[in-house]
Amino acid sequence: MSDVHLRTPVAADGRLGAAVEHPGLSDPRYLRRRGAIAARARSHRVGDPSPPVNYMEAEERTWRIVHQALWTAQREHACRAVLDARSQAPIPADHIPQHGEVGSHLRRLTGFDFTLAGGVVENKRFLGSMADGYFHAVQFVRHPAVPLFTPEPDVIHDVFGHGIHLASPAFADIYRLIGQAAMRVEDEDVLQMISDVYWFTLEYGILDEGGQPKAYGAALLSSYGEIRRLRHSRIRPLNIPAILATEYDICGYQPVLFSARCLDEVTDTLGRFLEQLDDDSAPRFGRTPATRAQHGG
């Protein structure tokens, strides 16, 4: 693994460093603001309306900066299915959309809605809620000093990544497949297997279009630097055993990406894997105990 994949952008000029050096993880004033917004998710029940956030001008400015950069980068580096979905997605250029604004739009298109998260959500709840058409999303905004990268999901990631996905019936079907599998099982190791497959597909998946890698994963779609350097990653064919054997770091650039030939291949591959899972599946895949990270919204 090259050094660039062990580190993360920590400054606006793209300087790399340890994830803890990123101001979003080290600025006390920012962390207080982030914590105040995230605290509103405590005791939140899946499906309840998210309270509106009174975003500050600095946060709105961050949204506008990232919108301009990502809109262009996605046009060049995102796959056709994403660009088609983006044309229908609720992504205003001039303001941060509230969860209610995003959700009402998505419900008309695919039946999905945002439900409130404050950060990391345990696998059963996060993944299982997708079976009922709910995606856990946060409301806080990434640090303004490094607007084009965040080491944790923020509202920009959720809207520019998952909001685009969930405007598409084809992508929404994949989310439901994952959710239905998570609802069937209770074993933590099996849930972590589902989470790992989710990570390398819906967060970091790519498609081969005309011999070029094109992003469809939500994390790539919301990371200006990473979506522009797809060719620098080690690209492997989509393969479930290989995914389950691949380590990853949730805070930085990913050294390994898995590529399919089309979105139908992603759906079919995931479907075949997920339908065979039950609470006794982990040993059959050599997976125990669960050791990997859970997901934030």
C-alpha atoms as a PDB file:
ATOM      1  CA  MET A   1       0.000   0.000   0.000  1.00  0.00           C
ATOM      2  CA  SER A   2       1.524   3.341  -0.999  1.00  0.00           C
ATOM      3  CA  ASP A   3       1.963   6.147   1.503  1.00  0.00           C
ATOM      4  CA  VAL A   4      -0.728   8.291  -0.121  1.00  0.00           C
ATOM      5  CA  HIS A   5      -3.342   5.727   0.834  1.00  0.00           C
ATOM      6  CA  LEU A   6      -2.188   5.705   4.449  1.00  0.00           C
ATOM      7  CA  ARG A   7      -2.684   9.455   4.726  1.00  0.00           C
ATOM      8  CA  THR A   8      -5.435  11.953   4.055  1.00  0.00           C
ATOM      9  CA  PRO A   9      -5.760  15.560   2.787  1.00  0.00           C
ATOM     10  CA  VAL A  10      -5.424  17.848   5.814  1.00  0.00           C
ATOM     11  CA  ALA A  11      -5.153  21.254   4.111  1.00  0.00           C
ATOM     12  CA  ALA A  12      -6.889  23.128   1.305  1.00  0.00           C
ATOM     13  CA  ASP A  13      -3.808  22.818  -0.931  1.00  0.00           C
ATOM     14  CA  GLY A  14      -4.047  19.024  -0.803  1.00  0.00           C
ATOM     15  CA  ARG A  15      -1.225  18.490   1.705  1.00  0.00           C
ATOM     16  CA  LEU A  16      -1.396  14.992   3.138  1.00  0.00           C
ATOM     17  CA  GLY A  17      -1.118  13.982   6.756  1.00  0.00           C
ATOM     18  CA  ALA A  18      -2.514  11.657   9.383  1.00  0.00           C
ATOM     19  CA  ALA A  19      -6.313  11.713   9.620  1.00  0.00           C
ATOM     20  CA  VAL A  20      -6.163  13.164  13.138  1.00  0.00           C
ATOM     21  CA  GLU A  21      -4.456  16.248  11.682  1.00  0.00           C
ATOM     22  CA  HIS A  22      -7.525  17.093   9.609  1.00  0.00           C
ATOM     23  CA  PRO A  23      -9.190  20.152  11.191  1.00  0.00           C
ATOM     24  CA  GLY A  24     -12.533  18.372  11.107  1.00  0.00           C
ATOM     25  CA  LEU A  25     -11.128  16.036  13.759  1.00  0.00           C
ATOM     26  CA  SER A  26      -8.992  18.527  15.686  1.00  0.00           C
ATOM     27  CA  ASP A  27     -10.575  22.022  15.687  1.00  0.00           C
ATOM     28  CA  PRO A  28     -12.365  22.483  19.056  1.00  0.00           C
ATOM     29  CA  ARG A  29     -14.725  25.179  17.785  1.00  0.00           C
ATOM     30  CA  TYR A  30     -15.744  23.097  14.790  1.00  0.00           C
ATOM     31  CA  LEU A  31     -16.168  20.006  16.940  1.00  0.00           C
ATOM     32  CA  ARG A  32     -18.528  21.883  19.266  1.00  0.00           C
ATOM     33  CA  ARG A  33     -20.694  22.946  16.323  1.00  0.00           C
ATOM     34  CA  ARG A  34     -20.603  19.451  14.839  1.00  0.00           C
ATOM     35  CA  GLY A  35     -21.479  17.943  18.202  1.00  0.00           C
ATOM     36  CA  ALA A  36     -24.409  20.298  18.733  1.00  0.00           C
ATOM     37  CA  ILE A  37     -25.925  19.332  15.389  1.00  0.00           C
ATOM     38  CA  ALA A  38     -25.212  15.634  15.838  1.00  0.00           C
ATOM     39  CA  ALA A  39     -26.730  15.594  19.334  1.00  0.00           C
ATOM     40  CA  ARG A  40     -30.169  16.133  17.832  1.00  0.00           C
ATOM     41  CA  ALA A  41     -30.047  12.528  16.603  1.00  0.00           C
ATOM     42  CA  ARG A  42     -30.103  11.111  20.131  1.00  0.00           C
ATOM     43  CA  SER A  43     -33.215   9.017  20.684  1.00  0.00           C
ATOM     44  CA  HIS A  44     -34.289   9.690  17.099  1.00  0.00           C
ATOM     45  CA  ARG A  45     -36.625   6.988  15.816  1.00  0.00           C
ATOM     46  CA  VAL A  46     -36.165   5.751  12.274  1.00  0.00           C
ATOM     47  CA  GLY A  47     -38.706   7.471  10.055  1.00  0.00           C
ATOM     48  CA  ASP A  48     -39.385  10.449  12.333  1.00  0.00           C
ATOM     49  CA  PRO A  49     -38.899  13.848  10.669  1.00  0.00           C
ATOM     50  CA  SER A  50     -35.444  15.377  11.039  1.00  0.00           C
ATOM     51  CA  PRO A  51     -35.436  18.762  12.813  1.00  0.00           C
ATOM     52  CA  PRO A  52     -34.345  21.592  10.503  1.00  0.00           C
ATOM     53  CA  VAL A  53     -30.868  23.088  10.911  1.00  0.00           C
ATOM     54  CA  ASN A  54     -30.203  26.824  10.811  1.00  0.00           C
ATOM     55  CA  TYR A  55     -26.988  26.670   8.800  1.00  0.00           C
ATOM     56  CA  MET A  56     -24.464  29.466   9.158  1.00  0.00           C
ATOM     57  CA  GLU A  57     -23.209  31.438   6.182  1.00  0.00           C
ATOM     58  CA  ALA A  58     -19.773  29.780   6.426  1.00  0.00           C
ATOM     59  CA  GLU A  59     -21.443  26.375   6.116  1.00  0.00           C
ATOM     60  CA  GLU A  60     -23.552  27.504   3.173  1.00  0.00           C
ATOM     61  CA  ARG A  61     -20.392  28.843   1.531  1.00  0.00           C
ATOM     62  CA  THR A  62     -18.682  25.471   1.971  1.00  0.00           C
ATOM     63  CA  TRP A  63     -21.648  23.819   0.262  1.00  0.00           C
ATOM     64  CA  ARG A  64     -21.433  26.211  -2.692  1.00  0.00           C
ATOM     65  CA  ILE A  65     -17.672  25.692  -3.082  1.00  0.00           C
ATOM     66  CA  VAL A  66     -18.018  21.913  -3.034  1.00  0.00           C
ATOM     67  CA  HIS A  67     -21.069  21.933  -5.287  1.00  0.00           C
ATOM     68  CA  GLN A  68     -19.180  23.790  -7.989  1.00  0.00           C
ATOM     69  CA  ALA A  69     -16.162  21.489  -7.768  1.00  0.00           C
ATOM     70  CA  LEU A  70     -18.049  18.199  -7.555  1.00  0.00           C
ATOM     71  CA  TRP A  71     -20.524  19.047 -10.286  1.00  0.00           C
ATOM     72  CA  THR A  72     -17.644  19.350 -12.736  1.00  0.00           C
ATOM     73  CA  ALA A  73     -15.639  16.399 -11.416  1.00  0.00           C
ATOM     74  CA  GLN A  74     -18.631  14.076 -11.486  1.00  0.00           C
ATOM     75  CA  ARG A  75     -19.412  15.040 -15.058  1.00  0.00           C
ATOM     76  CA  GLU A  76     -15.974  13.773 -16.074  1.00  0.00           C
ATOM     77  CA  HIS A  77     -15.444  10.837 -13.729  1.00  0.00           C
ATOM     78  CA  ALA A  78     -18.854   9.458 -12.708  1.00  0.00           C
ATOM     79  CA  CYS A  79     -20.568   6.634 -14.575  1.00  0.00           C
ATOM     80  CA  ARG A  80     -23.548   7.182 -16.834  1.00  0.00           C
ATOM     81  CA  ALA A  81     -26.036   5.706 -14.338  1.00  0.00           C
ATOM     82  CA  VAL A  82     -24.932   8.273 -11.750  1.00  0.00           C
ATOM     83  CA  LEU A  83     -25.165  11.185 -14.166  1.00  0.00           C
ATOM     84  CA  ASP A  84     -28.659  10.101 -15.181  1.00  0.00           C
ATOM     85  CA  ALA A  85     -29.675   9.861 -11.514  1.00  0.00           C
ATOM     86  CA  ARG A  86     -28.063  13.219 -10.741  1.00  0.00           C
ATOM     87  CA  SER A  87     -30.326  14.936 -13.232  1.00  0.00           C
ATOM     88  CA  GLN A  88     -33.274  13.949 -11.019  1.00  0.00           C
ATOM     89  CA  ALA A  89     -31.626  14.314  -7.594  1.00  0.00           C
ATOM     90  CA  PRO A  90     -32.406  17.094  -5.067  1.00  0.00           C
ATOM     91  CA  ILE A  91     -29.056  18.921  -5.129  1.00  0.00           C
ATOM     92  CA  PRO A  92     -29.545  22.720  -5.065  1.00  0.00           C
ATOM     93  CA  ALA A  93     -26.527  24.808  -6.010  1.00  0.00           C
ATOM     94  CA  ASP A  94     -27.223  27.728  -3.682  1.00  0.00           C
ATOM     95  CA  HIS A  95     -28.026  26.192  -0.280  1.00  0.00           C
ATOM     96  CA  ILE A  96     -27.691  23.122   1.895  1.00  0.00           C
ATOM     97  CA  PRO A  97     -30.939  21.192   1.573  1.00  0.00           C
ATOM     98  CA  GLN A  98     -32.762  20.140   4.712  1.00  0.00           C
ATOM     99  CA  HIS A  99     -33.476  16.440   5.192  1.00  0.00           C
ATOM    100  CA  GLY A 100     -37.156  17.101   4.644  1.00  0.00           C
ATOM    101  CA  GLU A 101     -36.407  18.772   1.311  1.00  0.00           C
ATOM    102  CA  VAL A 102     -34.301  15.823   0.150  1.00  0.00           C
ATOM    103  CA  GLY A 103     -36.659  13.184   1.498  1.00  0.00           C
ATOM    104  CA  SER A 104     -39.834  14.565  -0.040  1.00  0.00           C
ATOM    105  CA  HIS A 105     -38.128  14.557  -3.434  1.00  0.00           C
ATOM    106  CA  LEU A 106     -36.698  11.049  -3.087  1.00  0.00           C
ATOM    107  CA  ARG A 107     -39.998   9.582  -1.898  1.00  0.00           C
ATOM    108  CA  ARG A 108     -41.638  10.606  -5.155  1.00  0.00           C
ATOM    109  CA  LEU A 109     -38.856   8.999  -7.189  1.00  0.00           C
ATOM    110  CA  THR A 110     -38.009   5.754  -5.396  1.00  0.00           C
ATOM    111  CA  GLY A 111     -39.854   5.639  -2.063  1.00  0.00           C
ATOM    112  CA  PHE A 112     -36.669   6.331  -0.073  1.00  0.00           C
ATOM    113  CA  ASP A 113     -36.199   8.967   2.612  1.00  0.00           C
ATOM    114  CA  PHE A 114     -33.406  10.300   4.821  1.00  0.00           C
ATOM    115  CA  THR A 115     -33.615   9.456   8.530  1.00  0.00           C
ATOM    116  CA  LEU A 116     -31.449  11.257  11.049  1.00  0.00           C
ATOM    117  CA  ALA A 117     -28.008  10.060  12.176  1.00  0.00           C
ATOM    118  CA  GLY A 118     -25.505  11.818  14.409  1.00  0.00           C
ATOM    119  CA  GLY A 119     -22.476   9.866  13.222  1.00  0.00           C
ATOM    120  CA  VAL A 120     -21.633   6.177  13.435  1.00  0.00           C
ATOM    121  CA  VAL A 121     -24.701   3.903  13.351  1.00  0.00           C
ATOM    122  CA  GLU A 122     -24.500   0.242  14.305  1.00  0.00           C
ATOM    123  CA  ASN A 123     -24.734  -2.147  11.377  1.00  0.00           C
ATOM    124  CA  LYS A 124     -28.110  -3.739  12.105  1.00  0.00           C
ATOM    125  CA  ARG A 125     -29.896  -0.397  12.278  1.00  0.00           C
ATOM    126  CA  PHE A 126     -27.954   1.319   9.496  1.00  0.00           C
ATOM    127  CA  LEU A 127     -28.188  -1.481   6.964  1.00  0.00           C
ATOM    128  CA  GLY A 128     -31.540  -2.915   8.013  1.00  0.00           C
ATOM    129  CA  SER A 129     -33.340   0.416   7.697  1.00  0.00           C
ATOM    130  CA  MET A 130     -32.683   0.342   3.962  1.00  0.00           C
ATOM    131  CA  ALA A 131     -35.166  -2.533   3.645  1.00  0.00           C
ATOM    132  CA  ASP A 132     -37.896  -0.097   4.701  1.00  0.00           C
ATOM    133  CA  GLY A 133     -36.666   2.729   2.486  1.00  0.00           C
ATOM    134  CA  TYR A 134     -34.712   4.766   5.050  1.00  0.00           C
ATOM    135  CA  PHE A 135     -31.124   5.923   4.762  1.00  0.00           C
ATOM    136  CA  HIS A 136     -29.351   7.270   7.852  1.00  0.00           C
ATOM    137  CA  ALA A 137     -27.905  10.690   7.021  1.00  0.00           C
ATOM    138  CA  VAL A 138     -26.158  13.348   9.075  1.00  0.00           C
ATOM    139  CA  GLN A 139     -26.759  17.110   9.029  1.00  0.00           C
ATOM    140  CA  PHE A 140     -23.391  18.649   9.937  1.00  0.00           C
ATOM    141  CA  VAL A 141     -21.077  20.167   7.307  1.00  0.00           C
ATOM    142  CA  ARG A 142     -17.392  19.370   6.743  1.00  0.00           C
ATOM    143  CA  HIS A 143     -14.702  21.752   8.004  1.00  0.00           C
ATOM    144  CA  PRO A 144     -14.447  24.900   5.840  1.00  0.00           C
ATOM    145  CA  ALA A 145     -10.634  24.856   5.773  1.00  0.00           C
ATOM    146  CA  VAL A 146     -10.614  21.638   3.687  1.00  0.00           C
ATOM    147  CA  PRO A 147     -13.891  21.820   1.791  1.00  0.00           C
ATOM    148  CA  LEU A 148     -13.034  19.205  -0.837  1.00  0.00           C
ATOM    149  CA  PHE A 149     -12.352  16.323   1.569  1.00  0.00           C
ATOM    150  CA  THR A 150     -13.763  15.046   4.842  1.00  0.00           C
ATOM    151  CA  PRO A 151     -12.521  12.000   6.789  1.00  0.00           C
ATOM    152  CA  GLU A 152     -16.073  11.227   7.939  1.00  0.00           C
ATOM    153  CA  PRO A 153     -19.458  11.404   6.227  1.00  0.00           C
ATOM    154  CA  ASP A 154     -21.168  14.805   6.312  1.00  0.00           C
ATOM    155  CA  VAL A 155     -24.307  16.257   4.764  1.00  0.00           C
ATOM    156  CA  ILE A 156     -22.436  16.910   1.514  1.00  0.00           C
ATOM    157  CA  HIS A 157     -21.412  13.270   1.295  1.00  0.00           C
ATOM    158  CA  ASP A 158     -24.928  12.085   2.046  1.00  0.00           C
ATOM    159  CA  VAL A 159     -26.644  14.366  -0.478  1.00  0.00           C
ATOM    160  CA  PHE A 160     -24.042  14.245  -3.275  1.00  0.00           C
ATOM    161  CA  GLY A 161     -23.519  10.510  -2.868  1.00  0.00           C
ATOM    162  CA  HIS A 162     -26.513   8.701  -1.430  1.00  0.00           C
ATOM    163  CA  GLY A 163     -28.991  11.393  -2.461  1.00  0.00           C
ATOM    164  CA  ILE A 164     -27.968  10.840  -6.081  1.00  0.00           C
ATOM    165  CA  HIS A 165     -28.194   7.068  -5.704  1.00  0.00           C
ATOM    166  CA  LEU A 166     -31.631   7.158  -4.136  1.00  0.00           C
ATOM    167  CA  ALA A 167     -33.041   9.237  -6.971  1.00  0.00           C
ATOM    168  CA  SER A 168     -32.507   6.158  -9.183  1.00  0.00           C
ATOM    169  CA  PRO A 169     -34.777   3.082  -9.008  1.00  0.00           C
ATOM    170  CA  ALA A 170     -31.839   0.862 -10.031  1.00  0.00           C
ATOM    171  CA  PHE A 171     -29.626   2.081  -7.194  1.00  0.00           C
ATOM    172  CA  ALA A 172     -32.535   2.087  -4.735  1.00  0.00           C
ATOM    173  CA  ASP A 173     -33.087  -1.606  -5.510  1.00  0.00           C
ATOM    174  CA  ILE A 174     -29.485  -2.349  -4.475  1.00  0.00           C
ATOM    175  CA  TYR A 175     -29.987  -0.531  -1.175  1.00  0.00           C
ATOM    176  CA  ARG A 176     -33.120  -2.574  -0.532  1.00  0.00           C
ATOM    177  CA  LEU A 177     -31.307  -5.836  -1.337  1.00  0.00           C
ATOM    178  CA  ILE A 178     -28.683  -5.008   1.272  1.00  0.00           C
ATOM    179  CA  GLY A 179     -31.313  -3.928   3.781  1.00  0.00           C
ATOM    180  CA  GLN A 180     -33.359  -7.085   3.361  1.00  0.00           C
ATOM    181  CA  ALA A 181     -30.305  -9.268   3.941  1.00  0.00           C
ATOM    182  CA  ALA A 182     -29.372  -7.303   7.073  1.00  0.00           C
ATOM    183  CA  MET A 183     -32.897  -7.674   8.451  1.00  0.00           C
ATOM    184  CA  ARG A 184     -32.694 -11.489   8.135  1.00  0.00           C
ATOM    185  CA  VAL A 185     -29.615 -11.917  10.299  1.00  0.00           C
ATOM    186  CA  GLU A 186     -28.526 -11.024  13.830  1.00  0.00           C
ATOM    187  CA  ASP A 187     -24.974 -12.362  13.913  1.00  0.00           C
ATOM    188  CA  GLU A 188     -22.520  -9.445  14.131  1.00  0.00           C
ATOM    189  CA  ASP A 189     -19.912 -11.118  11.944  1.00  0.00           C
ATOM    190  CA  VAL A 190     -22.424 -11.678   9.154  1.00  0.00           C
ATOM    191  CA  LEU A 191     -23.672  -8.119   9.464  1.00  0.00           C
ATOM    192  CA  GLN A 192     -20.077  -6.946   9.165  1.00  0.00           C
ATOM    193  CA  MET A 193     -19.682  -8.998   5.987  1.00  0.00           C
ATOM    194  CA  ILE A 194     -22.695  -7.188   4.535  1.00  0.00           C
ATOM    195  CA  SER A 195     -21.199  -3.889   5.685  1.00  0.00           C
ATOM    196  CA  ASP A 196     -17.874  -4.635   3.985  1.00  0.00           C
ATOM    197  CA  VAL A 197     -19.595  -5.482   0.711  1.00  0.00           C
ATOM    198  CA  TYR A 198     -21.638  -2.298   1.020  1.00  0.00           C
ATOM    199  CA  TRP A 199     -18.386  -0.360   1.509  1.00  0.00           C
ATOM    200  CA  PHE A 200     -16.718  -1.599  -1.662  1.00  0.00           C
ATOM    201  CA  THR A 201     -19.846  -1.189  -3.809  1.00  0.00           C
ATOM    202  CA  LEU A 202     -22.243   1.571  -2.756  1.00  0.00           C
ATOM    203  CA  GLU A 203     -19.478   3.638  -1.131  1.00  0.00           C
ATOM    204  CA  TYR A 204     -16.446   2.918  -3.343  1.00  0.00           C
ATOM    205  CA  GLY A 205     -17.654   1.026  -6.400  1.00  0.00           C
ATOM    206  CA  ILE A 206     -16.576   1.799  -9.960  1.00  0.00           C
ATOM    207  CA  LEU A 207     -17.701   0.664 -13.390  1.00  0.00           C
ATOM    208  CA  ASP A 208     -15.642   0.081 -16.518  1.00  0.00           C
ATOM    209  CA  GLU A 209     -17.107   2.266 -19.263  1.00  0.00           C
ATOM    210  CA  GLY A 210     -15.261   2.200 -22.562  1.00  0.00           C
ATOM    211  CA  GLY A 211     -12.111   0.994 -20.851  1.00  0.00           C
ATOM    212  CA  GLN A 212     -12.138   3.865 -18.356  1.00  0.00           C
ATOM    213  CA  PRO A 213     -12.870   3.628 -14.609  1.00  0.00           C
ATOM    214  CA  LYS A 214     -16.000   5.594 -13.734  1.00  0.00           C
ATOM    215  CA  ALA A 215     -17.235   6.115 -10.190  1.00  0.00           C
ATOM    216  CA  TYR A 216     -20.595   5.138  -8.805  1.00  0.00           C
ATOM    217  CA  GLY A 217     -19.751   4.792  -5.085  1.00  0.00           C
ATOM    218  CA  ALA A 218     -21.113   7.568  -2.860  1.00  0.00           C
ATOM    219  CA  ALA A 219     -17.784   8.218  -1.120  1.00  0.00           C
ATOM    220  CA  LEU A 220     -16.088   8.745  -4.475  1.00  0.00           C
ATOM    221  CA  LEU A 221     -18.885  10.975  -5.728  1.00  0.00           C
ATOM    222  CA  SER A 222     -18.454  13.311  -2.746  1.00  0.00           C
ATOM    223  CA  SER A 223     -14.628  13.423  -2.675  1.00  0.00           C
ATOM    224  CA  TYR A 224     -13.218  15.812  -5.272  1.00  0.00           C
ATOM    225  CA  GLY A 225      -9.642  14.570  -4.967  1.00  0.00           C
ATOM    226  CA  GLU A 226     -10.395  10.876  -4.911  1.00  0.00           C
ATOM    227  CA  ILE A 227     -12.790  10.776  -7.832  1.00  0.00           C
ATOM    228  CA  ARG A 228     -10.133  12.475  -9.965  1.00  0.00           C
ATOM    229  CA  ARG A 229      -7.455   9.882  -9.211  1.00  0.00           C
ATOM    230  CA  LEU A 230      -9.269   6.614  -9.923  1.00  0.00           C
ATOM    231  CA  ARG A 231      -6.467   5.371 -12.155  1.00  0.00           C
ATOM    232  CA  HIS A 232      -4.018   5.593  -9.234  1.00  0.00           C
ATOM    233  CA  SER A 233      -5.910   2.941  -7.262  1.00  0.00           C
ATOM    234  CA  ARG A 234      -5.417  -0.782  -7.691  1.00  0.00           C
ATOM    235  CA  ILE A 235      -8.528  -1.829  -9.605  1.00  0.00           C
ATOM    236  CA  ARG A 236      -9.735  -5.410  -9.304  1.00  0.00           C
ATOM    237  CA  PRO A 237     -12.763  -7.172 -10.830  1.00  0.00           C
ATOM    238  CA  LEU A 238     -15.842  -7.253  -8.625  1.00  0.00           C
ATOM    239  CA  ASN A 239     -15.494 -10.418  -6.566  1.00  0.00           C
ATOM    240  CA  ILE A 240     -17.124 -11.059  -3.193  1.00  0.00           C
ATOM    241  CA  PRO A 241     -14.400 -13.311  -1.670  1.00  0.00           C
ATOM    242  CA  ALA A 242     -11.776 -10.738  -2.667  1.00  0.00           C
ATOM    243  CA  ILE A 243     -13.822  -7.936  -1.106  1.00  0.00           C
ATOM    244  CA  LEU A 244     -14.194  -9.858   2.145  1.00  0.00           C
ATOM    245  CA  ALA A 245     -10.421 -10.389   2.279  1.00  0.00           C
ATOM    246  CA  THR A 246      -9.537  -6.722   1.633  1.00  0.00           C
ATOM    247  CA  GLU A 247      -8.709  -4.341   4.490  1.00  0.00           C
ATOM    248  CA  TYR A 248      -9.730  -0.697   4.303  1.00  0.00           C
ATOM    249  CA  ASP A 249      -9.307   2.582   6.159  1.00  0.00           C
ATOM    250  CA  ILE A 250     -12.461   4.649   6.508  1.00  0.00           C
ATOM    251  CA  CYS A 251     -10.606   7.971   6.989  1.00  0.00           C
ATOM    252  CA  GLY A 252      -8.473   8.225   3.853  1.00  0.00           C
ATOM    253  CA  TYR A 253      -8.132   7.435   0.182  1.00  0.00           C
ATOM    254  CA  GLN A 254      -8.783   3.799  -0.717  1.00  0.00           C
ATOM    255  CA  PRO A 255      -5.882   1.834  -2.235  1.00  0.00           C
ATOM    256  CA  VAL A 256      -8.071  -0.892  -3.774  1.00  0.00           C
ATOM    257  CA  LEU A 257     -11.286  -0.460  -5.763  1.00  0.00           C
ATOM    258  CA  PHE A 258     -13.537  -3.122  -7.291  1.00  0.00           C
ATOM    259  CA  SER A 259     -14.893  -2.660 -10.784  1.00  0.00           C
ATOM    260  CA  ALA A 260     -17.931  -4.132 -12.533  1.00  0.00           C
ATOM    261  CA  ARG A 261     -18.845  -3.951 -16.198  1.00  0.00           C
ATOM    262  CA  CYS A 262     -22.288  -2.470 -15.547  1.00  0.00           C
ATOM    263  CA  LEU A 263     -24.705  -1.754 -12.728  1.00  0.00           C
ATOM    264  CA  ASP A 264     -26.651  -4.945 -13.520  1.00  0.00           C
ATOM    265  CA  GLU A 265     -23.513  -6.935 -12.722  1.00  0.00           C
ATOM    266  CA  VAL A 266     -23.322  -5.213  -9.325  1.00  0.00           C
ATOM    267  CA  THR A 267     -26.963  -6.058  -8.601  1.00  0.00           C
ATOM    268  CA  ASP A 268     -26.619  -9.668  -9.727  1.00  0.00           C
ATOM    269  CA  THR A 269     -23.346 -10.265  -7.849  1.00  0.00           C
ATOM    270  CA  LEU A 270     -24.697  -8.769  -4.627  1.00  0.00           C
ATOM    271  CA  GLY A 271     -27.992 -10.597  -4.996  1.00  0.00           C
ATOM    272  CA  ARG A 272     -26.343 -14.009  -5.316  1.00  0.00           C
ATOM    273  CA  PHE A 273     -24.141 -13.336  -2.286  1.00  0.00           C
ATOM    274  CA  LEU A 274     -26.815 -11.824  -0.052  1.00  0.00           C
ATOM    275  CA  GLU A 275     -29.493 -14.433  -0.664  1.00  0.00           C
ATOM    276  CA  GLN A 276     -27.319 -17.210   0.775  1.00  0.00           C
ATOM    277  CA  LEU A 277     -26.548 -15.426   4.049  1.00  0.00           C
ATOM    278  CA  ASP A 278     -27.872 -16.543   7.410  1.00  0.00           C
ATOM    279  CA  ASP A 279     -26.588 -16.332  10.983  1.00  0.00           C
ATOM    280  CA  ASP A 280     -24.224 -19.263  10.400  1.00  0.00           C
ATOM    281  CA  SER A 281     -22.561 -17.836   7.287  1.00  0.00           C
ATOM    282  CA  ALA A 282     -19.465 -16.186   8.774  1.00  0.00           C
ATOM    283  CA  PRO A 283     -17.362 -19.355   9.300  1.00  0.00           C
ATOM    284  CA  ARG A 284     -18.118 -20.502   5.757  1.00  0.00           C
ATOM    285  CA  PHE A 285     -16.439 -17.305   4.535  1.00  0.00           C
ATOM    286  CA  GLY A 286     -13.635 -17.445   7.090  1.00  0.00           C
ATOM    287  CA  ARG A 287     -14.979 -14.349   8.824  1.00  0.00           C
ATOM    288  CA  THR A 288     -14.935 -14.293  12.641  1.00  0.00           C
ATOM    289  CA  PRO A 289     -14.861 -12.242  14.765  1.00  0.00           C
ATOM    290  CA  ALA A 290     -16.025  -8.926  13.280  1.00  0.00           C
ATOM    291  CA  THR A 291     -13.126  -6.503  13.211  1.00  0.00           C
ATOM    292  CA  ARG A 292     -14.058  -3.721  10.817  1.00  0.00           C
ATOM    293  CA  ALA A 293     -15.602  -0.312  11.156  1.00  0.00           C
ATOM    294  CA  GLN A 294     -19.295   0.411  11.186  1.00  0.00           C
ATOM    295  CA  HIS A 295     -20.825   3.151   9.104  1.00  0.00           C
ATOM    296  CA  GLY A 296     -21.932   6.687   9.648  1.00  0.00           C
ATOM    297  CA  GLY A 297     -24.741   8.214   7.701  1.00  0.00           C
END
